Amino acid sequence: MQHSSFAWEVKGIDETGYIEGLAAGYGNVDYGGDRILPGAFTKSVTGRAGVPMLLFHDQQRPVGKWSEFKETDDGLIAKGKISTKTRDGGEAYELVKDGALSALSIGYDAITKRMAGKVRELVELGLHEVSLVSIGMNPKAQITGVKEMEDLRNRLAAGDRLTEREWEGLLKDSFNLSNSEAERAVRIHNLKIGQGAPDTPEADPVAALWAAMASAPIIDMTGE
C-alpha cells in the first residue's frame, strides 16, 4: 500500500465530529511527482460502506470513519465522522479544530498508472484509508481552517463586505461548489465590494448569499 498526502481544504467540522474535506486533488503534480487523473477513485468508492479514518496512517490509531465520497472537478471530497469519545479521536478532533492537523493523506494501491515524461499519472486507484496528518504534499488546494470560515460568517452577520476571494471561499465551504462554480456565482450575483445601488439585492450581502445558494447545483454525496 502506498501513501500520498494532500493539502486539505476543510469544508466543515462540528462539535459532534462530523467533518468533510478534499482528500485528493486532481490534475496537478504533487511534490512526489504524481498526478491523479479525474475519475481515478470512481470504481473504488462506488458502493463502499465506508473507509477507515486513521491518524498518521497508524492502523492501531483509528479515529473515525469516512462514509461518503464525491468526485468533483477539484478532486475527491470525503465526508465522515471523528469518534470524539475515544482517546485518539478526541485528540484528533481538537487538533483539527486548532489547525494542527491540516492535511489528509490517502493509503492506496495504484491499479492503473502510466508515465507522462517524468510525471507518474495515476489513472485508477484502490482507496484503502484516509488519514489525518500534519503536512500535505499537493500544493493545489488552499488550506482553509474552520476558524477562518467562522470569522467570515461572523463578518457577514455583522454587515461587513467581503472580498470576491472571501465570497468564493465561503460559497465553496457552505455549498460544496467547485472553484469554477463559486467564481461564476460571484460574477452572476455581483458579490463584489461596492457594487450595486444601496437598495438593490446585490448590495445586501445576506440577500446575495441566498441568491447564490438558490442557483447552486444540488450535490448528491451518497452517489445514489
C-alpha atoms as a PDB file:
ATOM      1  CA  MET A   1       0.000   0.000   0.000  1.00  0.00           C
ATOM      2  CA  GLN A   2       1.294   3.436  -0.955  1.00  0.00           C
ATOM      3  CA  HIS A   3       0.670   6.784   0.724  1.00  0.00           C
ATOM      4  CA  SER A   4       0.156  10.234  -0.778  1.00  0.00           C
ATOM      5  CA  SER A   5      -0.554  13.438   1.165  1.00  0.00           C
ATOM      6  CA  PHE A   6      -2.572  16.434   0.024  1.00  0.00           C
ATOM      7  CA  ALA A   7      -3.199  19.963   1.211  1.00  0.00           C
ATOM      8  CA  TRP A   8      -6.655  19.720   2.712  1.00  0.00           C
ATOM      9  CA  GLU A   9      -9.407  22.247   2.350  1.00  0.00           C
ATOM     10  CA  VAL A  10     -11.510  21.775   5.473  1.00  0.00           C
ATOM     11  CA  LYS A  11     -15.113  22.289   4.441  1.00  0.00           C
ATOM     12  CA  GLY A  12     -16.716  21.762   7.807  1.00  0.00           C
ATOM     13  CA  ILE A  13     -16.465  20.267  11.266  1.00  0.00           C
ATOM     14  CA  ASP A  14     -18.971  20.459  14.123  1.00  0.00           C
ATOM     15  CA  GLU A  15     -18.963  19.681  17.813  1.00  0.00           C
ATOM     16  CA  THR A  16     -20.116  16.099  17.238  1.00  0.00           C
ATOM     17  CA  GLY A  17     -17.157  15.336  14.985  1.00  0.00           C
ATOM     18  CA  TYR A  18     -18.784  15.345  11.548  1.00  0.00           C
ATOM     19  CA  ILE A  19     -16.170  16.508   9.072  1.00  0.00           C
ATOM     20  CA  GLU A  20     -15.568  16.818   5.344  1.00  0.00           C
ATOM     21  CA  GLY A  21     -12.755  17.920   3.093  1.00  0.00           C
ATOM     22  CA  LEU A  22     -10.704  17.400  -0.042  1.00  0.00           C
ATOM     23  CA  ALA A  23      -8.971  14.034   0.303  1.00  0.00           C
ATOM     24  CA  ALA A  24      -7.128  14.083  -3.028  1.00  0.00           C
ATOM     25  CA  GLY A  25      -6.589  16.745  -5.685  1.00  0.00           C
ATOM     26  CA  TYR A  26      -6.843  16.115  -9.419  1.00  0.00           C
ATOM     27  CA  GLY A  27      -4.789  17.355 -12.349  1.00  0.00           C
ATOM     28  CA  ASN A  28      -1.689  18.921 -10.796  1.00  0.00           C
ATOM     29  CA  VAL A  29       1.655  17.378  -9.942  1.00  0.00           C
ATOM     30  CA  ASP A  30       2.323  16.921  -6.224  1.00  0.00           C
ATOM     31  CA  TYR A  31       5.721  17.169  -4.566  1.00  0.00           C
ATOM     32  CA  GLY A  32       6.213  13.441  -5.034  1.00  0.00           C
ATOM     33  CA  GLY A  33       5.950  13.692  -8.833  1.00  0.00           C
ATOM     34  CA  ASP A  34       2.485  12.111  -9.099  1.00  0.00           C
ATOM     35  CA  ARG A  35      -0.620  13.401 -10.828  1.00  0.00           C
ATOM     36  CA  ILE A  36      -4.023  11.876 -10.052  1.00  0.00           C
ATOM     37  CA  LEU A  37      -6.366  11.936 -13.030  1.00  0.00           C
ATOM     38  CA  PRO A  38     -10.098  12.726 -12.699  1.00  0.00           C
ATOM     39  CA  GLY A  39     -12.164   9.610 -12.053  1.00  0.00           C
ATOM     40  CA  ALA A  40      -9.286   7.660 -10.525  1.00  0.00           C
ATOM     41  CA  PHE A  41     -11.372   6.691  -7.465  1.00  0.00           C
ATOM     42  CA  THR A  42     -14.717   6.026  -9.180  1.00  0.00           C
ATOM     43  CA  LYS A  43     -14.577   2.235  -9.084  1.00  0.00           C
ATOM     44  CA  SER A  44     -13.005   2.122  -5.650  1.00  0.00           C
ATOM     45  CA  VAL A  45     -15.568   4.253  -3.796  1.00  0.00           C
ATOM     46  CA  THR A  46     -18.730   3.198  -5.632  1.00  0.00           C
ATOM     47  CA  GLY A  47     -20.891   1.117  -3.304  1.00  0.00           C
ATOM     48  CA  ARG A  48     -18.436   1.282  -0.406  1.00  0.00           C
ATOM     49  CA  ALA A  49     -19.994   1.444   3.056  1.00  0.00           C
ATOM     50  CA  GLY A  50     -17.013   3.328   4.418  1.00  0.00           C
ATOM     51  CA  VAL A  51     -13.262   3.804   4.587  1.00  0.00           C
ATOM     52  CA  PRO A  52     -11.200   3.905   7.804  1.00  0.00           C
ATOM     53  CA  MET A  53     -10.134   7.309   9.145  1.00  0.00           C
ATOM     54  CA  LEU A  54      -6.689   6.883  10.684  1.00  0.00           C
ATOM     55  CA  LEU A  55      -4.214   9.132  12.464  1.00  0.00           C
ATOM     56  CA  PHE A  56      -0.864   9.299  10.613  1.00  0.00           C
ATOM     57  CA  HIS A  57      -1.539   6.016   8.748  1.00  0.00           C
ATOM     58  CA  ASP A  58      -1.302   4.109  12.022  1.00  0.00           C
ATOM     59  CA  GLN A  59      -3.696   1.166  11.829  1.00  0.00           C
ATOM     60  CA  GLN A  60      -3.587   0.953  15.616  1.00  0.00           C
ATOM     61  CA  ARG A  61      -4.904   4.534  15.871  1.00  0.00           C
ATOM     62  CA  PRO A  62      -8.291   4.612  14.098  1.00  0.00           C
ATOM     63  CA  VAL A  63     -10.093   7.886  14.827  1.00  0.00           C
ATOM     64  CA  GLY A  64     -13.308   7.525  12.839  1.00  0.00           C
ATOM     65  CA  LYS A  65     -14.832   6.575   9.520  1.00  0.00           C
ATOM     66  CA  TRP A  66     -15.267   8.207   6.109  1.00  0.00           C
ATOM     67  CA  SER A  67     -18.748   7.259   4.914  1.00  0.00           C
ATOM     68  CA  GLU A  68     -19.460   9.454   1.855  1.00  0.00           C
ATOM     69  CA  PHE A  69     -17.421  10.345  -1.210  1.00  0.00           C
ATOM     70  CA  LYS A  70     -17.938  12.624  -4.189  1.00  0.00           C
ATOM     71  CA  GLU A  71     -15.641  13.181  -7.160  1.00  0.00           C
ATOM     72  CA  THR A  72     -15.585  16.829  -8.267  1.00  0.00           C
ATOM     73  CA  ASP A  73     -13.505  18.927 -10.659  1.00  0.00           C
ATOM     74  CA  ASP A  74     -11.097  19.672  -7.809  1.00  0.00           C
ATOM     75  CA  GLY A  75     -10.734  16.101  -6.589  1.00  0.00           C
ATOM     76  CA  LEU A  76     -12.195  13.565  -4.192  1.00  0.00           C
ATOM     77  CA  ILE A  77     -14.403  15.028  -1.454  1.00  0.00           C
ATOM     78  CA  ALA A  78     -14.673  12.852   1.661  1.00  0.00           C
ATOM     79  CA  LYS A  79     -17.222  13.183   4.447  1.00  0.00           C
ATOM     80  CA  GLY A  80     -17.196  11.279   7.707  1.00  0.00           C
ATOM     81  CA  LYS A  81     -17.218  11.390  11.492  1.00  0.00           C
ATOM     82  CA  ILE A  82     -14.434  11.531  14.050  1.00  0.00           C
ATOM     83  CA  SER A  83     -15.059   9.257  17.049  1.00  0.00           C
ATOM     84  CA  THR A  84     -14.687  12.085  19.559  1.00  0.00           C
ATOM     85  CA  LYS A  85     -15.399   9.898  22.616  1.00  0.00           C
ATOM     86  CA  THR A  86     -12.303   7.778  22.061  1.00  0.00           C
ATOM     87  CA  ARG A  87      -8.863   8.883  23.253  1.00  0.00           C
ATOM     88  CA  ASP A  88      -7.282   9.199  19.808  1.00  0.00           C
ATOM     89  CA  GLY A  89     -10.480  10.529  18.241  1.00  0.00           C
ATOM     90  CA  GLY A  90     -10.858  13.245  20.863  1.00  0.00           C
ATOM     91  CA  GLU A  91      -7.231  14.243  20.356  1.00  0.00           C
ATOM     92  CA  ALA A  92      -7.652  14.324  16.563  1.00  0.00           C
ATOM     93  CA  TYR A  93     -10.792  16.458  16.825  1.00  0.00           C
ATOM     94  CA  GLU A  94      -9.066  19.097  18.961  1.00  0.00           C
ATOM     95  CA  LEU A  95      -6.020  19.149  16.664  1.00  0.00           C
ATOM     96  CA  VAL A  96      -8.195  19.617  13.580  1.00  0.00           C
ATOM     97  CA  LYS A  97     -10.075  22.486  15.234  1.00  0.00           C
ATOM     98  CA  ASP A  98      -6.779  24.130  16.226  1.00  0.00           C
ATOM     99  CA  GLY A  99      -5.333  23.707  12.728  1.00  0.00           C
ATOM    100  CA  ALA A 100      -2.506  21.405  13.815  1.00  0.00           C
ATOM    101  CA  LEU A 101      -3.865  18.617  11.597  1.00  0.00           C
ATOM    102  CA  SER A 102      -4.290  20.486   8.326  1.00  0.00           C
ATOM    103  CA  ALA A 103      -3.859  17.767   5.700  1.00  0.00           C
ATOM    104  CA  LEU A 104      -5.197  14.431   4.549  1.00  0.00           C
ATOM    105  CA  SER A 105      -3.141  11.522   3.316  1.00  0.00           C
ATOM    106  CA  ILE A 106      -4.535   8.567   1.406  1.00  0.00           C
ATOM    107  CA  GLY A 107      -3.465   4.952   1.559  1.00  0.00           C
ATOM    108  CA  TYR A 108      -3.971   3.352  -1.848  1.00  0.00           C
ATOM    109  CA  ASP A 109      -2.920   0.816  -4.465  1.00  0.00           C
ATOM    110  CA  ALA A 110      -2.025   2.081  -7.941  1.00  0.00           C
ATOM    111  CA  ILE A 111      -4.134  -0.207 -10.118  1.00  0.00           C
ATOM    112  CA  THR A 112      -3.516   1.604 -13.397  1.00  0.00           C
ATOM    113  CA  LYS A 113      -0.687   4.087 -13.908  1.00  0.00           C
ATOM    114  CA  ARG A 114       1.395   5.486 -16.752  1.00  0.00           C
ATOM    115  CA  MET A 115       4.343   7.790 -17.268  1.00  0.00           C
ATOM    116  CA  ALA A 116       3.992  11.191 -18.947  1.00  0.00           C
ATOM    117  CA  GLY A 117       7.576  12.352 -19.182  1.00  0.00           C
ATOM    118  CA  LYS A 118       8.874  12.411 -15.611  1.00  0.00           C
ATOM    119  CA  VAL A 119       5.369  12.519 -14.104  1.00  0.00           C
ATOM    120  CA  ARG A 120       3.617   9.376 -12.932  1.00  0.00           C
ATOM    121  CA  GLU A 121      -0.059   9.653 -13.840  1.00  0.00           C
ATOM    122  CA  LEU A 122      -2.399   7.665 -11.610  1.00  0.00           C
ATOM    123  CA  VAL A 123      -5.347   6.541 -13.738  1.00  0.00           C
ATOM    124  CA  GLU A 124      -7.132   4.169 -11.347  1.00  0.00           C
ATOM    125  CA  LEU A 125      -6.567   3.842  -7.613  1.00  0.00           C
ATOM    126  CA  GLY A 126      -7.818   1.464  -4.956  1.00  0.00           C
ATOM    127  CA  LEU A 127      -8.537   3.508  -1.830  1.00  0.00           C
ATOM    128  CA  HIS A 128      -7.811   1.757   1.487  1.00  0.00           C
ATOM    129  CA  GLU A 129      -7.823   4.542   4.088  1.00  0.00           C
ATOM    130  CA  VAL A 130      -7.691   8.319   4.533  1.00  0.00           C
ATOM    131  CA  SER A 131      -5.535   9.661   7.374  1.00  0.00           C
ATOM    132  CA  LEU A 132      -5.409  12.939   9.252  1.00  0.00           C
ATOM    133  CA  VAL A 133      -1.833  14.254   9.060  1.00  0.00           C
ATOM    134  CA  SER A 134       0.124  17.446   9.662  1.00  0.00           C
ATOM    135  CA  ILE A 135       1.802  18.170   6.308  1.00  0.00           C
ATOM    136  CA  GLY A 136       0.432  17.688   2.788  1.00  0.00           C
ATOM    137  CA  MET A 137       2.271  17.160  -0.488  1.00  0.00           C
ATOM    138  CA  ASN A 138      -0.162  18.611  -3.012  1.00  0.00           C
ATOM    139  CA  PRO A 139       0.043  22.426  -3.453  1.00  0.00           C
ATOM    140  CA  LYS A 140      -3.220  22.654  -5.399  1.00  0.00           C
ATOM    141  CA  ALA A 141      -5.727  23.014  -2.571  1.00  0.00           C
ATOM    142  CA  GLN A 142      -5.668  26.043  -0.311  1.00  0.00           C
ATOM    143  CA  ILE A 143      -5.815  25.163   3.371  1.00  0.00           C
ATOM    144  CA  THR A 144      -8.913  26.809   4.813  1.00  0.00           C
ATOM    145  CA  GLY A 145      -9.334  26.387   8.560  1.00  0.00           C
ATOM    146  CA  VAL A 146     -12.594  26.136  10.445  1.00  0.00           C
ATOM    147  CA  LYS A 147     -11.840  29.324  12.389  1.00  0.00           C
ATOM    148  CA  GLU A 148     -11.396  31.297   9.150  1.00  0.00           C
ATOM    149  CA  MET A 149     -14.807  30.201   7.909  1.00  0.00           C
ATOM    150  CA  GLU A 150     -16.373  31.120  11.244  1.00  0.00           C
ATOM    151  CA  ASP A 151     -14.748  34.568  11.036  1.00  0.00           C
ATOM    152  CA  LEU A 152     -16.201  35.113   7.550  1.00  0.00           C
ATOM    153  CA  ARG A 153     -19.682  34.144   8.707  1.00  0.00           C
ATOM    154  CA  ASN A 154     -19.391  36.454  11.711  1.00  0.00           C
ATOM    155  CA  ARG A 155     -18.317  39.342   9.488  1.00  0.00           C
ATOM    156  CA  LEU A 156     -21.202  38.626   7.131  1.00  0.00           C
ATOM    157  CA  ALA A 157     -23.688  38.604  10.021  1.00  0.00           C
ATOM    158  CA  ALA A 158     -22.262  41.929  11.220  1.00  0.00           C
ATOM    159  CA  GLY A 159     -22.895  43.507   7.818  1.00  0.00           C
ATOM    160  CA  ASP A 160     -19.262  43.688   6.675  1.00  0.00           C
ATOM    161  CA  ARG A 161     -18.446  43.469   2.977  1.00  0.00           C
ATOM    162  CA  LEU A 162     -16.345  40.506   1.856  1.00  0.00           C
ATOM    163  CA  THR A 163     -13.811  40.418  -0.958  1.00  0.00           C
ATOM    164  CA  GLU A 164     -14.506  38.349  -4.063  1.00  0.00           C
ATOM    165  CA  ARG A 165     -11.975  35.751  -2.903  1.00  0.00           C
ATOM    166  CA  GLU A 166     -13.630  35.527   0.514  1.00  0.00           C
ATOM    167  CA  TRP A 167     -17.067  35.122  -1.107  1.00  0.00           C
ATOM    168  CA  GLU A 168     -15.720  32.296  -3.268  1.00  0.00           C
ATOM    169  CA  GLY A 169     -14.260  30.545  -0.227  1.00  0.00           C
ATOM    170  CA  LEU A 170     -17.487  30.893   1.718  1.00  0.00           C
ATOM    171  CA  LEU A 171     -19.576  29.543  -1.169  1.00  0.00           C
ATOM    172  CA  LYS A 172     -17.250  26.564  -1.620  1.00  0.00           C
ATOM    173  CA  ASP A 173     -17.325  25.870   2.106  1.00  0.00           C
ATOM    174  CA  SER A 174     -21.060  26.283   2.621  1.00  0.00           C
ATOM    175  CA  PHE A 175     -22.451  24.775  -0.584  1.00  0.00           C
ATOM    176  CA  ASN A 176     -19.688  22.429  -1.828  1.00  0.00           C
ATOM    177  CA  LEU A 177     -19.211  24.475  -5.001  1.00  0.00           C
ATOM    178  CA  SER A 178     -16.159  23.852  -7.152  1.00  0.00           C
ATOM    179  CA  ASN A 179     -13.730  26.704  -7.878  1.00  0.00           C
ATOM    180  CA  SER A 180     -15.384  27.458 -11.223  1.00  0.00           C
ATOM    181  CA  GLU A 181     -18.913  27.287  -9.764  1.00  0.00           C
ATOM    182  CA  ALA A 182     -18.030  29.665  -6.920  1.00  0.00           C
ATOM    183  CA  GLU A 183     -16.391  32.120  -9.325  1.00  0.00           C
ATOM    184  CA  ARG A 184     -19.469  32.014 -11.569  1.00  0.00           C
ATOM    185  CA  ALA A 185     -21.812  32.592  -8.617  1.00  0.00           C
ATOM    186  CA  VAL A 186     -19.798  35.623  -7.526  1.00  0.00           C
ATOM    187  CA  ARG A 187     -19.817  37.000 -11.071  1.00  0.00           C
ATOM    188  CA  ILE A 188     -23.524  36.402 -11.712  1.00  0.00           C
ATOM    189  CA  HIS A 189     -24.714  37.809  -8.399  1.00  0.00           C
ATOM    190  CA  ASN A 190     -22.232  40.684  -8.269  1.00  0.00           C
ATOM    191  CA  LEU A 191     -20.891  39.696  -4.855  1.00  0.00           C
ATOM    192  CA  LYS A 192     -18.246  42.409  -5.006  1.00  0.00           C
ATOM    193  CA  ILE A 193     -17.235  45.259  -2.799  1.00  0.00           C
ATOM    194  CA  GLY A 194     -19.106  48.466  -3.581  1.00  0.00           C
ATOM    195  CA  GLN A 195     -21.215  47.100  -6.434  1.00  0.00           C
ATOM    196  CA  GLY A 196     -24.895  47.806  -6.788  1.00  0.00           C
ATOM    197  CA  ALA A 197     -27.115  50.595  -5.591  1.00  0.00           C
ATOM    198  CA  PRO A 198     -27.736  50.727  -1.825  1.00  0.00           C
ATOM    199  CA  ASP A 199     -31.220  49.256  -2.038  1.00  0.00           C
ATOM    200  CA  THR A 200     -30.530  46.510  -4.578  1.00  0.00           C
ATOM    201  CA  PRO A 201     -30.339  42.839  -3.525  1.00  0.00           C
ATOM    202  CA  GLU A 202     -26.790  42.662  -4.900  1.00  0.00           C
ATOM    203  CA  ALA A 203     -25.663  45.292  -2.391  1.00  0.00           C
ATOM    204  CA  ASP A 204     -27.086  43.307   0.525  1.00  0.00           C
ATOM    205  CA  PRO A 205     -24.594  40.541   1.450  1.00  0.00           C
ATOM    206  CA  VAL A 206     -27.245  38.317   3.039  1.00  0.00           C
ATOM    207  CA  ALA A 207     -29.631  38.643   0.089  1.00  0.00           C
ATOM    208  CA  ALA A 208     -26.783  37.988  -2.325  1.00  0.00           C
ATOM    209  CA  LEU A 209     -25.736  34.875  -0.433  1.00  0.00           C
ATOM    210  CA  TRP A 210     -29.265  33.467  -0.545  1.00  0.00           C
ATOM    211  CA  ALA A 211     -29.448  34.242  -4.254  1.00  0.00           C
ATOM    212  CA  ALA A 212     -26.206  32.369  -4.823  1.00  0.00           C
ATOM    213  CA  MET A 213     -27.487  29.436  -2.764  1.00  0.00           C
ATOM    214  CA  ALA A 214     -30.659  29.269  -4.829  1.00  0.00           C
ATOM    215  CA  SER A 215     -28.630  28.923  -8.026  1.00  0.00           C
ATOM    216  CA  ALA A 216     -26.132  26.428  -6.613  1.00  0.00           C
ATOM    217  CA  PRO A 217     -26.310  22.888  -8.007  1.00  0.00           C
ATOM    218  CA  ILE A 218     -27.567  20.155  -5.699  1.00  0.00           C
ATOM    219  CA  ILE A 219     -24.717  17.754  -4.939  1.00  0.00           C
ATOM    220  CA  ASP A 220     -25.554  14.162  -4.006  1.00  0.00           C
ATOM    221  CA  MET A 221     -22.844  12.982  -1.629  1.00  0.00           C
ATOM    222  CA  THR A 222     -24.376   9.493  -1.449  1.00  0.00           C
ATOM    223  CA  GLY A 223     -23.863   8.664  -5.119  1.00  0.00           C
ATOM    224  CA  GLU A 224     -27.433   7.386  -5.429  1.00  0.00           C
END
